[in-house]
Amino acid sequence: MQVLYVSLDGKAKMEQWMSNNDENVKVFKIQSAKETVVKNFDHRRVTASINQHAIVAITDVSGRVSYVNDMFCKLSGYDKEELIGQDHRIINSGFHDTMFFKKLWKTIASGKTWHGAICNMAKDGSRYWVQTTIVPFKNKLGNIEEYISIRTDITETVEMRERLERSRERAEDLNNKLEAERLALNNKNLALNEIIEHIERQKEQTKVTIKQNMEM
């Protein structure tokens, strides 16, 4: 008999199973196929959930994009057709230096997962920030076949932090100016006090001189 099932690689397969008297073999094969279908159904459900809440991209070992989800396209402003086959330089904002990406690639090329925040540039020239996790996926031989990137948009958080930082800097500048004015005023007061003291000494000296002249 023929059985249609979904394999772990997500492909639908049809297999011809010989009907014989060994019911245990039949049951085992059918049950195995059912488990595979359930596993893949759960996998697709998880993938669908991730696609609703995260920005997903898959690249080959050379960095060429092989898959992007709708959220990636929405945030970057590019259509899938414009992104597939390109590398991530298409969204490079120029914010990060060369060493930043060298360290990133060194990490994932060694089979390790990379975590960090990246500033990208959308098609319209605007910048956006994404918190990024890049996971290398290996084949049965242990060789890296592709990299899967899962991102979340943190642009609003970064911009809020930048606004707070600018506000803090303005507050510090204002405080420094006020302190400088206070010191300047204090110096003026000191100078004024010295002038007043000098005048008072002159007045006392004048009084002494007048008294001395009157006694002569």
Protein backbone atom coordinates (compact mmCIF):
# COMPACT_ATOMS: atom_id res chain seq x y z
CA MET A 1 0.00 0.00 0.00
CA GLN A 2 1.06 3.63 -0.48
CA VAL A 3 1.41 5.99 2.47
CA LEU A 4 1.73 9.75 2.22
CA TYR A 5 3.61 11.42 5.08
CA VAL A 6 5.75 14.46 5.89
CA SER A 7 9.41 13.85 6.64
CA LEU A 8 11.50 15.80 9.13
CA ASP A 9 12.90 17.98 6.33
CA GLY A 10 9.38 19.26 5.69
CA LYS A 11 8.86 17.40 2.41
CA ALA A 12 5.78 15.35 1.60
CA LYS A 13 6.73 11.81 0.66
CA MET A 14 4.86 8.84 -0.76
CA GLU A 15 6.17 5.38 -0.02
CA GLN A 16 5.08 1.97 -1.20
CA TRP A 17 4.81 -0.36 1.76
CA MET A 18 4.52 -4.02 1.04
CA SER A 19 1.46 -5.56 2.56
CA ASN A 20 2.34 -8.75 4.38
CA ASN A 21 1.27 -10.69 7.38
CA ASP A 22 3.60 -8.93 9.73
CA GLU A 23 1.11 -6.57 11.35
CA ASN A 24 3.73 -5.29 13.76
CA VAL A 25 5.78 -3.91 10.87
CA LYS A 26 2.72 -2.20 9.40
CA VAL A 27 1.74 -0.67 12.71
CA PHE A 28 5.28 0.47 13.37
CA LYS A 29 5.56 2.16 9.97
CA ILE A 30 2.18 3.82 10.20
CA GLN A 31 2.80 4.98 13.76
CA SER A 32 6.23 6.29 12.77
CA ALA A 33 4.71 8.25 9.90
CA LYS A 34 2.04 9.67 12.20
CA GLU A 35 4.67 10.80 14.70
CA THR A 36 6.62 12.44 11.90
CA VAL A 37 3.53 14.33 10.76
CA VAL A 38 2.81 15.50 14.32
CA LYS A 39 6.40 16.60 14.84
CA ASN A 40 6.39 18.56 11.60
CA PHE A 41 3.01 20.07 12.41
CA ASP A 42 4.38 21.28 15.74
CA HIS A 43 7.49 22.54 13.98
CA ARG A 44 5.41 24.51 11.48
CA ARG A 45 3.29 25.91 14.29
CA VAL A 46 6.37 27.08 16.18
CA THR A 47 7.80 28.57 12.99
CA ALA A 48 4.54 30.40 12.30
CA SER A 49 4.55 31.79 15.84
CA ILE A 50 8.13 33.03 15.49
CA ASN A 51 7.32 34.66 12.16
CA GLN A 52 4.54 36.63 13.83
CA HIS A 53 6.81 38.08 16.50
CA ALA A 54 10.36 38.08 15.15
CA ILE A 55 12.41 39.16 12.16
CA VAL A 56 13.87 36.03 10.60
CA ALA A 57 16.52 35.54 7.93
CA ILE A 58 18.52 32.55 6.74
CA THR A 59 21.82 32.82 4.91
CA ASP A 60 24.22 30.30 3.45
CA VAL A 61 27.81 29.99 4.68
CA SER A 62 28.92 32.80 2.38
CA GLY A 63 26.32 35.15 3.84
CA ARG A 64 23.93 35.11 0.90
CA VAL A 65 20.29 35.44 1.92
CA SER A 66 18.20 32.37 1.15
CA TYR A 67 15.11 33.23 3.19
CA VAL A 68 13.50 36.23 4.88
CA ASN A 69 10.11 36.42 6.54
CA ASP A 70 7.47 39.11 6.08
CA MET A 71 8.54 41.05 9.18
CA PHE A 72 12.06 41.35 7.79
CA CYS A 73 10.64 42.82 4.59
CA LYS A 74 8.30 45.15 6.47
CA LEU A 75 11.06 46.59 8.64
CA SER A 76 13.72 46.86 5.92
CA GLY A 77 11.35 48.08 3.21
CA TYR A 78 12.70 45.55 0.70
CA ASP A 79 10.70 42.89 -1.11
CA LYS A 80 11.80 39.28 -0.75
CA GLU A 81 12.89 39.24 -4.38
CA GLU A 82 15.25 42.14 -3.69
CA LEU A 83 16.84 40.38 -0.72
CA ILE A 84 17.18 36.75 -1.82
CA GLY A 85 20.69 36.15 -3.13
CA GLN A 86 22.06 39.35 -1.60
CA ASP A 87 24.28 39.54 1.46
CA HIS A 88 23.53 41.70 4.48
CA ARG A 89 25.58 44.60 3.12
CA ILE A 90 22.36 45.65 1.39
CA ILE A 91 21.10 46.81 4.82
CA ASN A 92 24.47 47.94 6.22
CA SER A 93 23.99 51.35 7.84
CA GLY A 94 27.69 52.11 8.18
CA PHE A 95 27.20 52.58 11.92
CA HIS A 96 29.46 49.66 12.87
CA ASP A 97 33.12 49.44 11.94
CA THR A 98 34.76 46.57 10.07
CA MET A 99 36.08 44.99 13.27
CA PHE A 100 32.52 44.63 14.59
CA PHE A 101 31.52 42.37 11.69
CA LYS A 102 34.84 40.51 11.70
CA LYS A 103 34.22 39.49 15.31
CA LEU A 104 30.63 38.53 14.46
CA TRP A 105 31.69 36.29 11.57
CA LYS A 106 34.55 34.78 13.57
CA THR A 107 32.06 33.77 16.27
CA ILE A 108 29.46 32.14 14.03
CA ALA A 109 32.03 30.56 11.69
CA SER A 110 33.44 28.76 14.73
CA GLY A 111 29.99 27.25 15.35
CA LYS A 112 29.07 29.52 18.24
CA THR A 113 25.91 31.57 18.60
CA TRP A 114 26.28 35.35 18.37
CA HIS A 115 24.16 37.82 20.33
CA GLY A 116 24.16 41.59 19.95
CA ALA A 117 22.47 44.75 18.76
CA ILE A 118 22.90 45.86 15.14
CA CYS A 119 22.01 49.12 13.46
CA ASN A 120 20.69 48.51 9.92
CA MET A 121 19.52 50.79 7.14
CA ALA A 122 16.12 50.44 5.49
CA LYS A 123 15.51 50.92 1.79
CA ASP A 124 14.32 54.50 2.38
CA GLY A 125 17.61 55.37 4.10
CA SER A 126 16.26 55.37 7.65
CA ARG A 127 18.16 53.52 10.36
CA TYR A 128 16.69 50.89 12.63
CA TRP A 129 18.08 48.79 15.48
CA VAL A 130 17.58 45.06 15.99
CA GLN A 131 18.54 42.82 18.88
CA THR A 132 20.02 39.86 17.05
CA THR A 133 20.76 36.20 17.65
CA ILE A 134 22.60 34.30 14.90
CA VAL A 135 22.69 30.52 15.17
CA PRO A 136 24.90 28.31 12.96
CA PHE A 137 23.23 25.09 11.78
CA LYS A 138 25.38 22.08 10.95
CA ASN A 139 24.79 19.00 8.79
CA LYS A 140 25.33 15.40 9.87
CA LEU A 141 29.05 15.73 9.10
CA GLY A 142 29.36 18.65 11.47
CA ASN A 143 29.84 21.25 8.76
CA ILE A 144 27.97 24.54 8.94
CA GLU A 145 25.31 24.68 6.22
CA GLU A 146 23.48 27.89 7.05
CA TYR A 147 22.98 30.64 9.59
CA ILE A 148 19.60 31.51 11.03
CA SER A 149 19.15 35.03 12.38
CA ILE A 150 16.31 35.91 14.71
CA ARG A 151 15.87 39.60 15.45
CA THR A 152 13.57 41.90 17.38
CA ASP A 153 13.06 45.57 16.61
CA ILE A 154 14.54 47.70 19.42
CA THR A 155 14.63 50.98 17.50
CA GLU A 156 12.19 52.72 19.84
CA THR A 157 14.15 51.60 22.89
CA VAL A 158 17.47 52.77 21.42
CA GLU A 159 16.03 56.11 20.33
CA MET A 160 14.50 56.63 23.78
CA ARG A 161 17.86 55.85 25.37
CA GLU A 162 19.55 58.31 23.00
CA ARG A 163 16.99 61.01 23.88
CA LEU A 164 17.57 60.39 27.57
CA GLU A 165 21.32 60.56 27.03
CA ARG A 166 20.98 63.85 25.14
CA SER A 167 18.76 65.21 27.92
CA ARG A 168 21.34 64.13 30.50
CA GLU A 169 24.12 65.81 28.51
CA ARG A 170 22.09 69.03 28.20
CA ALA A 171 21.38 68.93 31.94
CA GLU A 172 25.10 68.46 32.64
CA ASP A 173 25.98 71.34 30.30
CA LEU A 174 23.44 73.59 32.01
CA ASN A 175 24.74 72.57 35.42
CA ASN A 176 28.31 73.29 34.33
CA LYS A 177 27.30 76.72 33.00
CA LEU A 178 25.46 77.55 36.23
CA GLU A 179 28.46 76.44 38.26
CA ALA A 180 30.75 78.57 36.11
CA GLU A 181 28.44 81.58 36.57
CA ARG A 182 28.32 80.94 40.31
CA LEU A 183 32.10 80.88 40.52
CA ALA A 184 32.33 84.02 38.38
CA LEU A 185 29.80 85.77 40.61
CA ASN A 186 31.65 84.60 43.70
CA ASN A 187 34.89 85.98 42.28
CA LYS A 188 33.13 89.27 41.57
CA ASN A 189 31.82 89.35 45.13
CA LEU A 190 35.31 88.70 46.47
CA ALA A 191 36.68 91.50 44.32
CA LEU A 192 33.87 93.80 45.43
CA ASN A 193 34.51 92.96 49.07
CA GLU A 194 38.19 93.79 48.61
CA ILE A 195 37.23 97.15 47.10
CA ILE A 196 34.84 97.88 49.96
CA GLU A 197 37.50 96.91 52.52
CA HIS A 198 40.00 99.15 50.73
CA ILE A 199 37.54 102.06 50.80
CA GLU A 200 36.88 101.47 54.50
CA ARG A 201 40.61 101.47 55.20
CA GLN A 202 41.00 104.68 53.22
CA LYS A 203 38.14 106.26 55.20
CA GLU A 204 39.76 105.28 58.49
CA GLN A 205 43.08 106.59 57.31
CA THR A 206 41.46 109.86 56.28
CA LYS A 207 39.84 110.19 59.71
CA VAL A 208 43.19 109.62 61.41
CA THR A 209 44.86 112.19 59.15
CA ILE A 210 42.14 114.79 59.83
CA LYS A 211 42.38 114.21 63.61
CA GLN A 212 46.14 114.55 63.50
CA ASN A 213 45.89 117.85 61.57
CA MET A 214 43.39 119.22 64.05
CA GLU A 215 45.65 118.46 66.97
CA MET A 216 48.56 120.32 65.46
